[in-house]
Amino acid sequence: MEWLEEQVRWMQWSLPSAIFFLALFFTLIGMSIWEGYRPCVRRKGFLPMVTTRGDRLFLGIISTIGICMLWIGLFKGVLMILPLVIAAVWFFVLAKWG
């Protein structure tokens, strides 16, 4: 455990950042297991390209980060629940119909 503490000491860990990284880690593991049981089919949704489940997950994560960073830049991080709700809705729409 001491070795692990030394390796991550440079990062300013907080409970929200730890929860975020754990959620991301378990999402990737879950997607890998899901892919093993039910291989995805490439499909064309409203995006201008054919995507897989993993592509839509990646695009959803990146666009969620972009939405939150844009909100912080424009509104100085006030009322951060709004961009999280917007990002969650966008992530669902992208995953379902993207």
PDB file of N, CA and C in Angstrom:
ATOM      1  N   MET A   1       0.827  -1.194   0.000  1.00  0.00           N
ATOM      2  CA  MET A   1       0.000   0.000   0.000  1.00  0.00           C
ATOM      3  C   MET A   1       0.873   1.260   0.000  1.00  0.00           C
ATOM      4  N   GLU A   2       2.008   1.202   0.654  1.00  0.00           N
ATOM      5  CA  GLU A   2       2.905   2.347   0.692  1.00  0.00           C
ATOM      6  C   GLU A   2       3.417   2.702  -0.704  1.00  0.00           C
ATOM      7  N   TRP A   3       3.729   1.662  -1.485  1.00  0.00           N
ATOM      8  CA  TRP A   3       4.218   1.877  -2.841  1.00  0.00           C
ATOM      9  C   TRP A   3       3.168   2.604  -3.675  1.00  0.00           C
ATOM     10  N   LEU A   4       1.910   2.182  -3.529  1.00  0.00           N
ATOM     11  CA  LEU A   4       0.828   2.817  -4.272  1.00  0.00           C
ATOM     12  C   LEU A   4       0.679   4.282  -3.875  1.00  0.00           C
ATOM     13  N   GLU A   5       0.779   4.573  -2.595  1.00  0.00           N
ATOM     14  CA  GLU A   5       0.702   5.963  -2.133  1.00  0.00           C
ATOM     15  C   GLU A   5       1.801   6.813  -2.742  1.00  0.00           C
ATOM     16  N   GLU A   6       3.008   6.259  -2.838  1.00  0.00           N
ATOM     17  CA  GLU A   6       4.118   6.997  -3.440  1.00  0.00           C
ATOM     18  C   GLU A   6       3.864   7.283  -4.912  1.00  0.00           C
ATOM     19  N   GLN A   7       3.269   6.338  -5.610  1.00  0.00           N
ATOM     20  CA  GLN A   7       3.058   6.482  -7.045  1.00  0.00           C
ATOM     21  C   GLN A   7       1.984   7.514  -7.392  1.00  0.00           C
ATOM     22  N   VAL A   8       1.013   7.709  -6.517  1.00  0.00           N
ATOM     23  CA  VAL A   8      -0.083   8.641  -6.819  1.00  0.00           C
ATOM     24  C   VAL A   8      -0.049   9.903  -5.967  1.00  0.00           C
ATOM     25  N   ARG A   9       1.000  10.104  -5.221  1.00  0.00           N
ATOM     26  CA  ARG A   9       1.100  11.276  -4.351  1.00  0.00           C
ATOM     27  C   ARG A   9       1.102  12.582  -5.145  1.00  0.00           C
ATOM     28  N   TRP A  10       1.645  12.573  -6.364  1.00  0.00           N
ATOM     29  CA  TRP A  10       1.736  13.789  -7.165  1.00  0.00           C
ATOM     30  C   TRP A  10       0.373  14.329  -7.569  1.00  0.00           C
ATOM     31  N   MET A  11      -0.645  13.466  -7.607  1.00  0.00           N
ATOM     32  CA  MET A  11      -1.973  13.911  -8.009  1.00  0.00           C
ATOM     33  C   MET A  11      -2.776  14.328  -6.779  1.00  0.00           C
ATOM     34  N   GLN A  12      -3.508  15.390  -6.911  1.00  0.00           N
ATOM     35  CA  GLN A  12      -4.336  15.878  -5.807  1.00  0.00           C
ATOM     36  C   GLN A  12      -5.657  15.112  -5.797  1.00  0.00           C
ATOM     37  N   TRP A  13      -5.662  13.951  -5.170  1.00  0.00           N
ATOM     38  CA  TRP A  13      -6.857  13.111  -5.155  1.00  0.00           C
ATOM     39  C   TRP A  13      -7.904  13.689  -4.220  1.00  0.00           C
ATOM     40  N   SER A  14      -9.123  13.633  -4.664  1.00  0.00           N
ATOM     41  CA  SER A  14     -10.257  13.981  -3.825  1.00  0.00           C
ATOM     42  C   SER A  14     -11.279  12.866  -4.007  1.00  0.00           C
ATOM     43  N   LEU A  15     -12.287  12.854  -3.189  1.00  0.00           N
ATOM     44  CA  LEU A  15     -13.305  11.818  -3.303  1.00  0.00           C
ATOM     45  C   LEU A  15     -14.006  11.869  -4.669  1.00  0.00           C
ATOM     46  N   PRO A  16     -14.411  13.046  -5.172  1.00  0.00           N
ATOM     47  CA  PRO A  16     -15.040  13.061  -6.495  1.00  0.00           C
ATOM     48  C   PRO A  16     -14.120  12.561  -7.612  1.00  0.00           C
ATOM     49  N   SER A  17     -12.837  12.915  -7.578  1.00  0.00           N
ATOM     50  CA  SER A  17     -11.946  12.441  -8.641  1.00  0.00           C
ATOM     51  C   SER A  17     -11.714  10.942  -8.529  1.00  0.00           C
ATOM     52  N   ALA A  18     -11.625  10.415  -7.321  1.00  0.00           N
ATOM     53  CA  ALA A  18     -11.471   8.970  -7.139  1.00  0.00           C
ATOM     54  C   ALA A  18     -12.717   8.224  -7.624  1.00  0.00           C
ATOM     55  N   ILE A  19     -13.881   8.751  -7.320  1.00  0.00           N
ATOM     56  CA  ILE A  19     -15.130   8.127  -7.786  1.00  0.00           C
ATOM     57  C   ILE A  19     -15.196   8.154  -9.309  1.00  0.00           C
ATOM     58  N   PHE A  20     -14.805   9.271  -9.908  1.00  0.00           N
ATOM     59  CA  PHE A  20     -14.825   9.383 -11.366  1.00  0.00           C
ATOM     60  C   PHE A  20     -13.920   8.336 -12.012  1.00  0.00           C
ATOM     61  N   PHE A  21     -12.677   8.223 -11.536  1.00  0.00           N
ATOM     62  CA  PHE A  21     -11.754   7.281 -12.140  1.00  0.00           C
ATOM     63  C   PHE A  21     -12.172   5.834 -11.890  1.00  0.00           C
ATOM     64  N   LEU A  22     -12.732   5.547 -10.735  1.00  0.00           N
ATOM     65  CA  LEU A  22     -13.242   4.190 -10.484  1.00  0.00           C
ATOM     66  C   LEU A  22     -14.425   3.877 -11.392  1.00  0.00           C
ATOM     67  N   ALA A  23     -15.310   4.842 -11.578  1.00  0.00           N
ATOM     68  CA  ALA A  23     -16.452   4.636 -12.474  1.00  0.00           C
ATOM     69  C   ALA A  23     -15.987   4.407 -13.905  1.00  0.00           C
ATOM     70  N   LEU A  24     -15.008   5.167 -14.341  1.00  0.00           N
ATOM     71  CA  LEU A  24     -14.460   4.990 -15.682  1.00  0.00           C
ATOM     72  C   LEU A  24     -13.813   3.610 -15.825  1.00  0.00           C
ATOM     73  N   PHE A  25     -13.048   3.208 -14.833  1.00  0.00           N
ATOM     74  CA  PHE A  25     -12.390   1.899 -14.828  1.00  0.00           C
ATOM     75  C   PHE A  25     -13.420   0.771 -14.904  1.00  0.00           C
ATOM     76  N   PHE A  26     -14.445   0.831 -14.070  1.00  0.00           N
ATOM     77  CA  PHE A  26     -15.456  -0.232 -14.067  1.00  0.00           C
ATOM     78  C   PHE A  26     -16.328  -0.197 -15.325  1.00  0.00           C
ATOM     79  N   THR A  27     -16.515   0.979 -15.914  1.00  0.00           N
ATOM     80  CA  THR A  27     -17.239   1.067 -17.175  1.00  0.00           C
ATOM     81  C   THR A  27     -16.479   0.345 -18.281  1.00  0.00           C
ATOM     82  N   LEU A  28     -15.179   0.562 -18.335  1.00  0.00           N
ATOM     83  CA  LEU A  28     -14.370  -0.108 -19.354  1.00  0.00           C
ATOM     84  C   LEU A  28     -14.344  -1.624 -19.144  1.00  0.00           C
ATOM     85  N   ILE A  29     -14.264  -2.056 -17.908  1.00  0.00           N
ATOM     86  CA  ILE A  29     -14.311  -3.492 -17.619  1.00  0.00           C
ATOM     87  C   ILE A  29     -15.678  -4.055 -18.011  1.00  0.00           C
ATOM     88  N   GLY A  30     -16.738  -3.353 -17.644  1.00  0.00           N
ATOM     89  CA  GLY A  30     -18.088  -3.799 -17.996  1.00  0.00           C
ATOM     90  C   GLY A  30     -18.298  -3.879 -19.494  1.00  0.00           C
ATOM     91  N   MET A  31     -17.798  -2.886 -20.229  1.00  0.00           N
ATOM     92  CA  MET A  31     -17.921  -2.909 -21.689  1.00  0.00           C
ATOM     93  C   MET A  31     -17.152  -4.081 -22.282  1.00  0.00           C
ATOM     94  N   SER A  32     -16.001  -4.404 -21.718  1.00  0.00           N
ATOM     95  CA  SER A  32     -15.224  -5.543 -22.205  1.00  0.00           C
ATOM     96  C   SER A  32     -15.965  -6.854 -21.974  1.00  0.00           C
ATOM     97  N   ILE A  33     -16.553  -7.003 -20.808  1.00  0.00           N
ATOM     98  CA  ILE A  33     -17.315  -8.218 -20.497  1.00  0.00           C
ATOM     99  C   ILE A  33     -18.536  -8.298 -21.405  1.00  0.00           C
ATOM    100  N   TRP A  34     -19.241  -7.188 -21.568  1.00  0.00           N
ATOM    101  CA  TRP A  34     -20.425  -7.141 -22.433  1.00  0.00           C
ATOM    102  C   TRP A  34     -20.059  -7.530 -23.871  1.00  0.00           C
ATOM    103  N   GLU A  35     -18.927  -7.039 -24.344  1.00  0.00           N
ATOM    104  CA  GLU A  35     -18.469  -7.354 -25.695  1.00  0.00           C
ATOM    105  C   GLU A  35     -18.205  -8.858 -25.848  1.00  0.00           C
ATOM    106  N   GLY A  36     -17.712  -9.487 -24.789  1.00  0.00           N
ATOM    107  CA  GLY A  36     -17.464 -10.922 -24.833  1.00  0.00           C
ATOM    108  C   GLY A  36     -18.739 -11.742 -24.925  1.00  0.00           C
ATOM    109  N   TYR A  37     -19.766 -11.305 -24.218  1.00  0.00           N
ATOM    110  CA  TYR A  37     -21.035 -12.032 -24.230  1.00  0.00           C
ATOM    111  C   TYR A  37     -21.911 -11.703 -25.432  1.00  0.00           C
ATOM    112  N   ARG A  38     -21.868 -10.457 -25.838  1.00  0.00           N
ATOM    113  CA  ARG A  38     -22.733 -10.019 -26.935  1.00  0.00           C
ATOM    114  C   ARG A  38     -21.952  -9.056 -27.831  1.00  0.00           C
ATOM    115  N   PRO A  39     -21.253  -9.587 -28.823  1.00  0.00           N
ATOM    116  CA  PRO A  39     -20.455  -8.720 -29.702  1.00  0.00           C
ATOM    117  C   PRO A  39     -21.318  -7.639 -30.356  1.00  0.00           C
ATOM    118  N   CYS A  40     -20.755  -6.451 -30.456  1.00  0.00           N
ATOM    119  CA  CYS A  40     -21.534  -5.338 -30.999  1.00  0.00           C
ATOM    120  C   CYS A  40     -21.583  -5.401 -32.519  1.00  0.00           C
ATOM    121  N   VAL A  41     -22.570  -4.745 -33.037  1.00  0.00           N
ATOM    122  CA  VAL A  41     -22.779  -4.654 -34.477  1.00  0.00           C
ATOM    123  C   VAL A  41     -22.542  -3.199 -34.872  1.00  0.00           C
ATOM    124  N   ARG A  42     -21.756  -3.004 -35.895  1.00  0.00           N
ATOM    125  CA  ARG A  42     -21.540  -1.634 -36.383  1.00  0.00           C
ATOM    126  C   ARG A  42     -22.841  -1.124 -36.989  1.00  0.00           C
ATOM    127  N   ARG A  43     -23.179   0.133 -36.661  1.00  0.00           N
ATOM    128  CA  ARG A  43     -24.419   0.677 -37.198  1.00  0.00           C
ATOM    129  C   ARG A  43     -24.280   2.167 -37.463  1.00  0.00           C
ATOM    130  N   LYS A  44     -25.181   2.662 -38.270  1.00  0.00           N
ATOM    131  CA  LYS A  44     -25.198   4.084 -38.627  1.00  0.00           C
ATOM    132  C   LYS A  44     -26.392   4.727 -37.954  1.00  0.00           C
ATOM    133  N   GLY A  45     -26.118   5.687 -37.083  1.00  0.00           N
ATOM    134  CA  GLY A  45     -27.174   6.455 -36.441  1.00  0.00           C
ATOM    135  C   GLY A  45     -27.166   7.864 -36.998  1.00  0.00           C
ATOM    136  N   PHE A  46     -27.389   8.850 -36.125  1.00  0.00           N
ATOM    137  CA  PHE A  46     -27.384  10.233 -36.596  1.00  0.00           C
ATOM    138  C   PHE A  46     -25.976  10.789 -36.775  1.00  0.00           C
ATOM    139  N   LEU A  47     -24.955  10.092 -36.267  1.00  0.00           N
ATOM    140  CA  LEU A  47     -23.580  10.539 -36.468  1.00  0.00           C
ATOM    141  C   LEU A  47     -23.189  10.314 -37.937  1.00  0.00           C
ATOM    142  N   PRO A  48     -22.272  11.117 -38.450  1.00  0.00           N
ATOM    143  CA  PRO A  48     -21.924  10.990 -39.871  1.00  0.00           C
ATOM    144  C   PRO A  48     -20.963   9.841 -40.176  1.00  0.00           C
ATOM    145  N   MET A  49     -20.957   8.822 -39.327  1.00  0.00           N
ATOM    146  CA  MET A  49     -20.067   7.679 -39.535  1.00  0.00           C
ATOM    147  C   MET A  49     -20.696   6.438 -38.915  1.00  0.00           C
ATOM    148  N   VAL A  50     -20.211   5.295 -39.325  1.00  0.00           N
ATOM    149  CA  VAL A  50     -20.659   4.036 -38.744  1.00  0.00           C
ATOM    150  C   VAL A  50     -19.891   3.845 -37.438  1.00  0.00           C
ATOM    151  N   THR A  51     -20.598   3.501 -36.358  1.00  0.00           N
ATOM    152  CA  THR A  51     -19.952   3.387 -35.051  1.00  0.00           C
ATOM    153  C   THR A  51     -20.289   2.056 -34.381  1.00  0.00           C
ATOM    154  N   THR A  52     -19.458   1.719 -33.416  1.00  0.00           N
ATOM    155  CA  THR A  52     -19.711   0.571 -32.553  1.00  0.00           C
ATOM    156  C   THR A  52     -20.083   1.105 -31.179  1.00  0.00           C
ATOM    157  N   ARG A  53     -20.429   0.203 -30.287  1.00  0.00           N
ATOM    158  CA  ARG A  53     -20.766   0.574 -28.912  1.00  0.00           C
ATOM    159  C   ARG A  53     -19.586   1.292 -28.254  1.00  0.00           C
ATOM    160  N   GLY A  54     -18.386   0.786 -28.465  1.00  0.00           N
ATOM    161  CA  GLY A  54     -17.191   1.404 -27.884  1.00  0.00           C
ATOM    162  C   GLY A  54     -16.912   2.786 -28.441  1.00  0.00           C
ATOM    163  N   ASP A  55     -17.156   2.964 -29.740  1.00  0.00           N
ATOM    164  CA  ASP A  55     -16.990   4.293 -30.345  1.00  0.00           C
ATOM    165  C   ASP A  55     -17.920   5.305 -29.702  1.00  0.00           C
ATOM    166  N   ARG A  56     -19.172   4.902 -29.524  1.00  0.00           N
ATOM    167  CA  ARG A  56     -20.151   5.817 -28.914  1.00  0.00           C
ATOM    168  C   ARG A  56     -19.813   6.098 -27.456  1.00  0.00           C
ATOM    169  N   LEU A  57     -19.277   5.105 -26.737  1.00  0.00           N
ATOM    170  CA  LEU A  57     -18.836   5.334 -25.362  1.00  0.00           C
ATOM    171  C   LEU A  57     -17.713   6.367 -25.345  1.00  0.00           C
ATOM    172  N   PHE A  58     -16.719   6.188 -26.201  1.00  0.00           N
ATOM    173  CA  PHE A  58     -15.600   7.125 -26.264  1.00  0.00           C
ATOM    174  C   PHE A  58     -16.073   8.530 -26.609  1.00  0.00           C
ATOM    175  N   LEU A  59     -16.907   8.637 -27.645  1.00  0.00           N
ATOM    176  CA  LEU A  59     -17.430   9.952 -28.029  1.00  0.00           C
ATOM    177  C   LEU A  59     -18.256  10.580 -26.907  1.00  0.00           C
ATOM    178  N   GLY A  60     -19.011   9.757 -26.187  1.00  0.00           N
ATOM    179  CA  GLY A  60     -19.798  10.263 -25.066  1.00  0.00           C
ATOM    180  C   GLY A  60     -18.926  10.791 -23.942  1.00  0.00           C
ATOM    181  N   ILE A  61     -17.856  10.075 -23.627  1.00  0.00           N
ATOM    182  CA  ILE A  61     -16.947  10.520 -22.565  1.00  0.00           C
ATOM    183  C   ILE A  61     -16.260  11.822 -22.971  1.00  0.00           C
ATOM    184  N   ILE A  62     -15.748  11.868 -24.190  1.00  0.00           N
ATOM    185  CA  ILE A  62     -15.053  13.070 -24.657  1.00  0.00           C
ATOM    186  C   ILE A  62     -15.998  14.269 -24.724  1.00  0.00           C
ATOM    187  N   SER A  63     -17.210  14.061 -25.236  1.00  0.00           N
ATOM    188  CA  SER A  63     -18.140  15.197 -25.336  1.00  0.00           C
ATOM    189  C   SER A  63     -18.634  15.637 -23.958  1.00  0.00           C
ATOM    190  N   THR A  64     -18.760  14.713 -23.015  1.00  0.00           N
ATOM    191  CA  THR A  64     -19.125  15.090 -21.648  1.00  0.00           C
ATOM    192  C   THR A  64     -18.052  15.980 -21.034  1.00  0.00           C
ATOM    193  N   ILE A  65     -16.805  15.616 -21.235  1.00  0.00           N
ATOM    194  CA  ILE A  65     -15.702  16.451 -20.749  1.00  0.00           C
ATOM    195  C   ILE A  65     -15.771  17.824 -21.415  1.00  0.00           C
ATOM    196  N   GLY A  66     -16.020  17.844 -22.721  1.00  0.00           N
ATOM    197  CA  GLY A  66     -16.111  19.115 -23.432  1.00  0.00           C
ATOM    198  C   GLY A  66     -17.241  19.994 -22.929  1.00  0.00           C
ATOM    199  N   ILE A  67     -18.398  19.408 -22.675  1.00  0.00           N
ATOM    200  CA  ILE A  67     -19.542  20.167 -22.162  1.00  0.00           C
ATOM    201  C   ILE A  67     -19.201  20.783 -20.809  1.00  0.00           C
ATOM    202  N   CYS A  68     -18.601  19.992 -19.935  1.00  0.00           N
ATOM    203  CA  CYS A  68     -18.257  20.506 -18.596  1.00  0.00           C
ATOM    204  C   CYS A  68     -17.170  21.576 -18.664  1.00  0.00           C
ATOM    205  N   MET A  69     -16.166  21.384 -19.522  1.00  0.00           N
ATOM    206  CA  MET A  69     -15.102  22.381 -19.641  1.00  0.00           C
ATOM    207  C   MET A  69     -15.633  23.678 -20.259  1.00  0.00           C
ATOM    208  N   LEU A  70     -16.518  23.560 -21.232  1.00  0.00           N
ATOM    209  CA  LEU A  70     -17.121  24.746 -21.829  1.00  0.00           C
ATOM    210  C   LEU A  70     -17.937  25.518 -20.789  1.00  0.00           C
ATOM    211  N   TRP A  71     -18.683  24.788 -19.982  1.00  0.00           N
ATOM    212  CA  TRP A  71     -19.482  25.426 -18.930  1.00  0.00           C
ATOM    213  C   TRP A  71     -18.571  26.156 -17.943  1.00  0.00           C
ATOM    214  N   ILE A  72     -17.500  25.506 -17.533  1.00  0.00           N
ATOM    215  CA  ILE A  72     -16.565  26.130 -16.592  1.00  0.00           C
ATOM    216  C   ILE A  72     -15.960  27.387 -17.220  1.00  0.00           C
ATOM    217  N   GLY A  73     -15.601  27.304 -18.496  1.00  0.00           N
ATOM    218  CA  GLY A  73     -15.019  28.460 -19.171  1.00  0.00           C
ATOM    219  C   GLY A  73     -15.985  29.618 -19.327  1.00  0.00           C
ATOM    220  N   LEU A  74     -17.240  29.312 -19.635  1.00  0.00           N
ATOM    221  CA  LEU A  74     -18.219  30.373 -19.865  1.00  0.00           C
ATOM    222  C   LEU A  74     -18.836  30.924 -18.585  1.00  0.00           C
ATOM    223  N   PHE A  75     -19.089  30.041 -17.619  1.00  0.00           N
ATOM    224  CA  PHE A  75     -19.838  30.455 -16.426  1.00  0.00           C
ATOM    225  C   PHE A  75     -19.049  30.324 -15.139  1.00  0.00           C
ATOM    226  N   LYS A  76     -17.749  30.148 -15.242  1.00  0.00           N
ATOM    227  CA  LYS A  76     -16.848  30.091 -14.083  1.00  0.00           C
ATOM    228  C   LYS A  76     -17.209  28.985 -13.096  1.00  0.00           C
ATOM    229  N   GLY A  77     -17.821  27.917 -13.586  1.00  0.00           N
ATOM    230  CA  GLY A  77     -18.111  26.762 -12.746  1.00  0.00           C
ATOM    231  C   GLY A  77     -19.287  26.933 -11.806  1.00  0.00           C
ATOM    232  N   VAL A  78     -20.129  27.939 -12.054  1.00  0.00           N
ATOM    233  CA  VAL A  78     -21.292  28.167 -11.212  1.00  0.00           C
ATOM    234  C   VAL A  78     -22.376  27.144 -11.550  1.00  0.00           C
ATOM    235  N   LEU A  79     -22.991  26.584 -10.542  1.00  0.00           N
ATOM    236  CA  LEU A  79     -24.106  25.652 -10.699  1.00  0.00           C
ATOM    237  C   LEU A  79     -23.738  24.490 -11.629  1.00  0.00           C
ATOM    238  N   MET A  80     -22.745  23.716 -11.227  1.00  0.00           N
ATOM    239  CA  MET A  80     -22.205  22.641 -12.067  1.00  0.00           C
ATOM    240  C   MET A  80     -23.171  21.480 -12.284  1.00  0.00           C
ATOM    241  N   ILE A  81     -24.296  21.465 -11.597  1.00  0.00           N
ATOM    242  CA  ILE A  81     -25.248  20.384 -11.812  1.00  0.00           C
ATOM    243  C   ILE A  81     -25.879  20.483 -13.206  1.00  0.00           C
ATOM    244  N   LEU A  82     -26.029  21.710 -13.724  1.00  0.00           N
ATOM    245  CA  LEU A  82     -26.637  21.885 -15.051  1.00  0.00           C
ATOM    246  C   LEU A  82     -25.830  21.235 -16.173  1.00  0.00           C
ATOM    247  N   PRO A  83     -24.519  21.470 -16.265  1.00  0.00           N
ATOM    248  CA  PRO A  83     -23.797  20.790 -17.345  1.00  0.00           C
ATOM    249  C   PRO A  83     -23.750  19.282 -17.155  1.00  0.00           C
ATOM    250  N   LEU A  84     -23.804  18.821 -15.924  1.00  0.00           N
ATOM    251  CA  LEU A  84     -23.818  17.379 -15.689  1.00  0.00           C
ATOM    252  C   LEU A  84     -25.126  16.759 -16.182  1.00  0.00           C
ATOM    253  N   VAL A  85     -26.229  17.456 -15.971  1.00  0.00           N
ATOM    254  CA  VAL A  85     -27.518  16.972 -16.478  1.00  0.00           C
ATOM    255  C   VAL A  85     -27.530  17.012 -18.011  1.00  0.00           C
ATOM    256  N   ILE A  86     -27.067  18.120 -18.578  1.00  0.00           N
ATOM    257  CA  ILE A  86     -26.996  18.244 -20.030  1.00  0.00           C
ATOM    258  C   ILE A  86     -26.114  17.140 -20.611  1.00  0.00           C
ATOM    259  N   ALA A  87     -24.952  16.915 -19.985  1.00  0.00           N
ATOM    260  CA  ALA A  87     -24.028  15.894 -20.467  1.00  0.00           C
ATOM    261  C   ALA A  87     -24.623  14.495 -20.335  1.00  0.00           C
ATOM    262  N   ALA A  88     -25.354  14.235 -19.257  1.00  0.00           N
ATOM    263  CA  ALA A  88     -25.971  12.915 -19.067  1.00  0.00           C
ATOM    264  C   ALA A  88     -27.028  12.662 -20.140  1.00  0.00           C
ATOM    265  N   VAL A  89     -27.839  13.670 -20.441  1.00  0.00           N
ATOM    266  CA  VAL A  89     -28.855  13.527 -21.490  1.00  0.00           C
ATOM    267  C   VAL A  89     -28.176  13.318 -22.841  1.00  0.00           C
ATOM    268  N   TRP A  90     -27.156  14.118 -23.134  1.00  0.00           N
ATOM    269  CA  TRP A  90     -26.429  13.981 -24.389  1.00  0.00           C
ATOM    270  C   TRP A  90     -25.799  12.586 -24.493  1.00  0.00           C
ATOM    271  N   PHE A  91     -25.207  12.103 -23.405  1.00  0.00           N
ATOM    272  CA  PHE A  91     -24.563  10.783 -23.397  1.00  0.00           C
ATOM    273  C   PHE A  91     -25.597   9.698 -23.707  1.00  0.00           C
ATOM    274  N   PHE A  92     -26.775   9.789 -23.117  1.00  0.00           N
ATOM    275  CA  PHE A  92     -27.825   8.814 -23.377  1.00  0.00           C
ATOM    276  C   PHE A  92     -28.263   8.849 -24.831  1.00  0.00           C
ATOM    277  N   VAL A  93     -28.496  10.061 -25.371  1.00  0.00           N
ATOM    278  CA  VAL A  93     -28.929  10.202 -26.761  1.00  0.00           C
ATOM    279  C   VAL A  93     -27.853   9.653 -27.698  1.00  0.00           C
ATOM    280  N   LEU A  94     -26.600   9.974 -27.432  1.00  0.00           N
ATOM    281  CA  LEU A  94     -25.506   9.498 -28.260  1.00  0.00           C
ATOM    282  C   LEU A  94     -25.387   7.968 -28.210  1.00  0.00           C
ATOM    283  N   ALA A  95     -25.515   7.395 -27.026  1.00  0.00           N
ATOM    284  CA  ALA A  95     -25.404   5.944 -26.882  1.00  0.00           C
ATOM    285  C   ALA A  95     -26.570   5.232 -27.545  1.00  0.00           C
ATOM    286  N   LYS A  96     -27.746   5.792 -27.454  1.00  0.00           N
ATOM    287  CA  LYS A  96     -28.941   5.139 -27.974  1.00  0.00           C
ATOM    288  C   LYS A  96     -29.101   5.307 -29.489  1.00  0.00           C
ATOM    289  N   TRP A  97     -28.955   6.528 -29.985  1.00  0.00           N
ATOM    290  CA  TRP A  97     -29.261   6.800 -31.390  1.00  0.00           C
ATOM    291  C   TRP A  97     -28.062   7.271 -32.210  1.00  0.00           C
ATOM    292  N   GLY A  98     -26.901   7.399 -31.590  1.00  0.00           N
ATOM    293  CA  GLY A  98     -25.717   7.894 -32.308  1.00  0.00           C
ATOM    294  C   GLY A  98     -25.199   6.881 -33.210  1.00  0.00           C
TER     295      GLY A  98
END
